[in-house]
C-alpha atoms as a PDB file:
ATOM      1  CA  UNK A   1     122.528 106.346 134.764  1.00  0.00           C
ATOM      2  CA  UNK A   2     119.688 107.888 132.764  1.00  0.00           C
ATOM      3  CA  UNK A   3     116.993 105.769 131.219  1.00  0.00           C
ATOM      4  CA  UNK A   4     114.007 106.902 129.176  1.00  0.00           C
ATOM      5  CA  UNK A   5     110.868 104.919 129.813  1.00  0.00           C
ATOM      6  CA  UNK A   6     108.132 104.318 127.294  1.00  0.00           C
ATOM      7  CA  UNK A   7     104.694 105.692 128.191  1.00  0.00           C
ATOM      8  CA  UNK A   8     103.505 102.168 129.015  1.00  0.00           C
ATOM      9  CA  UNK A   9     106.426 101.504 131.348  1.00  0.00           C
ATOM     10  CA  UNK A  10     106.125 104.965 132.853  1.00  0.00           C
ATOM     11  CA  UNK A  11     102.494 104.227 133.685  1.00  0.00           C
ATOM     12  CA  UNK A  12     103.574 101.249 135.736  1.00  0.00           C
ATOM     13  CA  UNK A  13     106.351 103.191 137.480  1.00  0.00           C
ATOM     14  CA  UNK A  14     104.485 106.468 137.979  1.00  0.00           C
ATOM     15  CA  UNK A  15     103.357 105.608 141.477  1.00  0.00           C
ATOM     16  CA  UNK A  16     106.768 104.735 142.861  1.00  0.00           C
ATOM     17  CA  UNK A  17     107.817 107.553 145.201  1.00  0.00           C
ATOM     18  CA  UNK A  18     110.453 109.629 143.407  1.00  0.00           C
ATOM     19  CA  UNK A  19     112.175 110.649 146.634  1.00  0.00           C
ATOM     20  CA  UNK A  20     112.649 107.116 147.988  1.00  0.00           C
ATOM     21  CA  UNK A  21     110.351 107.701 150.959  1.00  0.00           C
ATOM     22  CA  UNK A  22     107.766 105.356 152.407  1.00  0.00           C
ATOM     23  CA  UNK A  23     104.445 104.555 150.797  1.00  0.00           C
ATOM     24  CA  UNK A  24     101.966 107.431 151.086  1.00  0.00           C
ATOM     25  CA  UNK A  25      99.330 105.191 152.688  1.00  0.00           C
ATOM     26  CA  UNK A  26     101.759 104.298 155.498  1.00  0.00           C
ATOM     27  CA  UNK A  27     102.120 107.949 156.551  1.00  0.00           C
ATOM     28  CA  UNK A  28     100.979 108.412 160.158  1.00  0.00           C
ATOM     29  CA  UNK A  29     100.349 112.178 160.165  1.00  0.00           C
ATOM     30  CA  UNK A  30      96.923 113.077 158.726  1.00  0.00           C
ATOM     31  CA  UNK A  31      98.116 116.360 157.234  1.00  0.00           C
ATOM     32  CA  UNK A  32     101.037 114.699 155.494  1.00  0.00           C
ATOM     33  CA  UNK A  33      98.802 111.873 154.294  1.00  0.00           C
ATOM     34  CA  UNK A  34      96.206 114.123 152.642  1.00  0.00           C
ATOM     35  CA  UNK A  35      98.808 116.375 151.057  1.00  0.00           C
ATOM     36  CA  UNK A  36     100.978 113.555 149.712  1.00  0.00           C
ATOM     37  CA  UNK A  37      97.965 111.601 148.440  1.00  0.00           C
ATOM     38  CA  UNK A  38      96.612 114.716 146.728  1.00  0.00           C
ATOM     39  CA  UNK A  39      99.978 115.533 145.172  1.00  0.00           C
ATOM     40  CA  UNK A  40     100.341 111.989 143.835  1.00  0.00           C
ATOM     41  CA  UNK A  41      96.882 111.943 142.270  1.00  0.00           C
ATOM     42  CA  UNK A  42      97.236 115.476 140.880  1.00  0.00           C
ATOM     43  CA  UNK A  43     100.545 114.479 139.307  1.00  0.00           C
ATOM     44  CA  UNK A  44      99.066 111.415 137.608  1.00  0.00           C
ATOM     45  CA  UNK A  45      96.012 113.313 136.396  1.00  0.00           C
ATOM     46  CA  UNK A  46      98.071 116.192 135.019  1.00  0.00           C
ATOM     47  CA  UNK A  47     101.180 114.475 133.651  1.00  0.00           C
ATOM     48  CA  UNK A  48      99.544 111.348 132.254  1.00  0.00           C
ATOM     49  CA  UNK A  49      95.926 112.254 131.555  1.00  0.00           C
ATOM     50  CA  UNK A  50      96.380 115.901 130.569  1.00  0.00           C
ATOM     51  CA  UNK A  51      94.249 117.275 133.414  1.00  0.00           C
ATOM     52  CA  UNK A  52      94.133 121.024 133.936  1.00  0.00           C
ATOM     53  CA  UNK A  53      93.176 123.100 136.945  1.00  0.00           C
ATOM     54  CA  UNK A  54      94.374 124.229 140.352  1.00  0.00           C
ATOM     55  CA  UNK A  55      93.514 121.244 142.534  1.00  0.00           C
ATOM     56  CA  UNK A  56      92.076 117.751 142.517  1.00  0.00           C
ATOM     57  CA  UNK A  57      88.481 118.907 141.990  1.00  0.00           C
ATOM     58  CA  UNK A  58      89.359 121.012 138.930  1.00  0.00           C
ATOM     59  CA  UNK A  59      91.729 118.413 137.514  1.00  0.00           C
ATOM     60  CA  UNK A  60      89.095 115.697 137.969  1.00  0.00           C
ATOM     61  CA  UNK A  61      86.499 117.835 136.181  1.00  0.00           C
ATOM     62  CA  UNK A  62      88.865 118.487 133.280  1.00  0.00           C
ATOM     63  CA  UNK A  63      89.278 114.744 132.566  1.00  0.00           C
ATOM     64  CA  UNK A  64      85.867 113.467 133.651  1.00  0.00           C
ATOM     65  CA  UNK A  65      85.208 112.079 130.163  1.00  0.00           C
ATOM     66  CA  UNK A  66      88.209 109.750 130.570  1.00  0.00           C
ATOM     67  CA  UNK A  67      87.659 108.399 134.073  1.00  0.00           C
ATOM     68  CA  UNK A  68      84.643 106.438 135.336  1.00  0.00           C
ATOM     69  CA  UNK A  69      82.088 108.012 137.684  1.00  0.00           C
ATOM     70  CA  UNK A  70      83.067 105.811 140.644  1.00  0.00           C
ATOM     71  CA  UNK A  71      86.694 106.951 140.325  1.00  0.00           C
ATOM     72  CA  UNK A  72      85.594 110.580 140.047  1.00  0.00           C
ATOM     73  CA  UNK A  73      83.618 110.133 143.260  1.00  0.00           C
ATOM     74  CA  UNK A  74      86.666 108.722 145.090  1.00  0.00           C
ATOM     75  CA  UNK A  75      88.913 111.528 143.870  1.00  0.00           C
ATOM     76  CA  UNK A  76      86.361 114.167 144.897  1.00  0.00           C
ATOM     77  CA  UNK A  77      86.008 112.567 148.341  1.00  0.00           C
ATOM     78  CA  UNK A  78      89.796 112.683 148.799  1.00  0.00           C
ATOM     79  CA  UNK A  79      89.911 116.304 147.601  1.00  0.00           C
ATOM     80  CA  UNK A  80      87.111 117.316 149.970  1.00  0.00           C
ATOM     81  CA  UNK A  81      88.825 115.773 152.995  1.00  0.00           C
ATOM     82  CA  UNK A  82      92.123 117.390 151.995  1.00  0.00           C
ATOM     83  CA  UNK A  83      90.507 120.810 151.592  1.00  0.00           C
ATOM     84  CA  UNK A  84      88.674 120.583 154.909  1.00  0.00           C
ATOM     85  CA  UNK A  85      91.794 119.479 156.775  1.00  0.00           C
ATOM     86  CA  UNK A  86      93.906 122.253 155.293  1.00  0.00           C
ATOM     87  CA  UNK A  87      91.372 125.115 155.281  1.00  0.00           C
ATOM     88  CA  UNK A  88      88.778 124.571 158.034  1.00  0.00           C
ATOM     89  CA  UNK A  89      89.924 125.629 161.480  1.00  0.00           C
ATOM     90  CA  UNK A  90      87.985 123.034 163.472  1.00  0.00           C
ATOM     91  CA  UNK A  91      88.730 120.116 161.135  1.00  0.00           C
ATOM     92  CA  UNK A  92      91.943 118.610 162.529  1.00  0.00           C
ATOM     93  CA  UNK A  93      91.976 114.947 161.545  1.00  0.00           C
ATOM     94  CA  UNK A  94      90.656 112.566 158.904  1.00  0.00           C
ATOM     95  CA  UNK A  95      87.284 111.381 160.286  1.00  0.00           C
ATOM     96  CA  UNK A  96      87.580 107.884 158.786  1.00  0.00           C
ATOM     97  CA  UNK A  97      91.248 107.299 158.078  1.00  0.00           C
ATOM     98  CA  UNK A  98      90.679 103.730 156.868  1.00  0.00           C
ATOM     99  CA  UNK A  99      88.161 104.907 154.280  1.00  0.00           C
ATOM    100  CA  UNK A 100      90.503 107.702 153.171  1.00  0.00           C
ATOM    101  CA  UNK A 101      93.467 105.352 152.734  1.00  0.00           C
ATOM    102  CA  UNK A 102      91.352 102.739 150.932  1.00  0.00           C
ATOM    103  CA  UNK A 103      89.862 105.387 148.634  1.00  0.00           C
ATOM    104  CA  UNK A 104      93.337 106.674 147.838  1.00  0.00           C
ATOM    105  CA  UNK A 105      94.745 103.200 147.137  1.00  0.00           C
ATOM    106  CA  UNK A 106      91.742 102.302 144.972  1.00  0.00           C
ATOM    107  CA  UNK A 107      91.904 105.585 143.041  1.00  0.00           C
ATOM    108  CA  UNK A 108      95.637 105.132 142.538  1.00  0.00           C
ATOM    109  CA  UNK A 109      95.126 101.594 141.195  1.00  0.00           C
ATOM    110  CA  UNK A 110      92.225 102.583 138.939  1.00  0.00           C
ATOM    111  CA  UNK A 111      94.271 105.426 137.429  1.00  0.00           C
ATOM    112  CA  UNK A 112      97.136 102.999 136.894  1.00  0.00           C
ATOM    113  CA  UNK A 113      94.726 100.603 135.143  1.00  0.00           C
ATOM    114  CA  UNK A 114      93.471 103.398 132.865  1.00  0.00           C
ATOM    115  CA  UNK A 115      97.061 104.219 131.927  1.00  0.00           C
ATOM    116  CA  UNK A 116      97.811 100.561 131.177  1.00  0.00           C
ATOM    117  CA  UNK A 117      94.742 100.292 128.941  1.00  0.00           C
ATOM    118  CA  UNK A 118      94.949 103.611 127.132  1.00  0.00           C
ATOM    119  CA  UNK A 119      98.480 104.932 127.641  1.00  0.00           C
ATOM    120  CA  UNK A 120      99.219 108.605 128.032  1.00  0.00           C
ATOM    121  CA  UNK A 121      96.301 110.794 127.029  1.00  0.00           C
ATOM    122  CA  UNK A 122      97.014 113.560 124.523  1.00  0.00           C
ATOM    123  CA  UNK A 123      97.790 116.670 126.499  1.00  0.00           C
ATOM    124  CA  UNK A 124      99.850 114.904 129.146  1.00  0.00           C
ATOM    125  CA  UNK A 125     103.362 116.156 129.785  1.00  0.00           C
ATOM    126  CA  UNK A 126     105.361 114.389 127.074  1.00  0.00           C
ATOM    127  CA  UNK A 127     108.663 115.319 128.735  1.00  0.00           C
ATOM    128  CA  UNK A 128     107.762 113.503 131.906  1.00  0.00           C
ATOM    129  CA  UNK A 129     108.621 109.988 130.702  1.00  0.00           C
ATOM    130  CA  UNK A 130     112.391 110.375 131.180  1.00  0.00           C
ATOM    131  CA  UNK A 131     113.572 109.560 134.665  1.00  0.00           C
ATOM    132  CA  UNK A 132     117.039 109.326 136.141  1.00  0.00           C
ATOM    133  CA  UNK A 133     117.390 105.799 137.499  1.00  0.00           C
END
């Protein structure tokens, strides 16, 4: 059954995994954790805040006027760890997994709060509010 959600409702539901899998923060594999966390945040930034760019750093820069400095710092920390884990040969695990998970959960919640307060920012993907439920 198809159901179109309003932007406000979509903001609340945006962080529910679309594939029915476990919560990103509960992922045990570091590589999977950084990639899934990055994908989730990139999706929110792009689809709901109109962010542009190739990765988290560029997307964060493109919407820096909309998100507070402390949130930008968290997103950039997450992006840096992700990039190191994926691209640096000797970097094979998240050095402080607890900090990474907490930063992700906090960033996720702060983005959700921004969406609740301001709704979808002009430039977000308007077609993304319809979901098959």
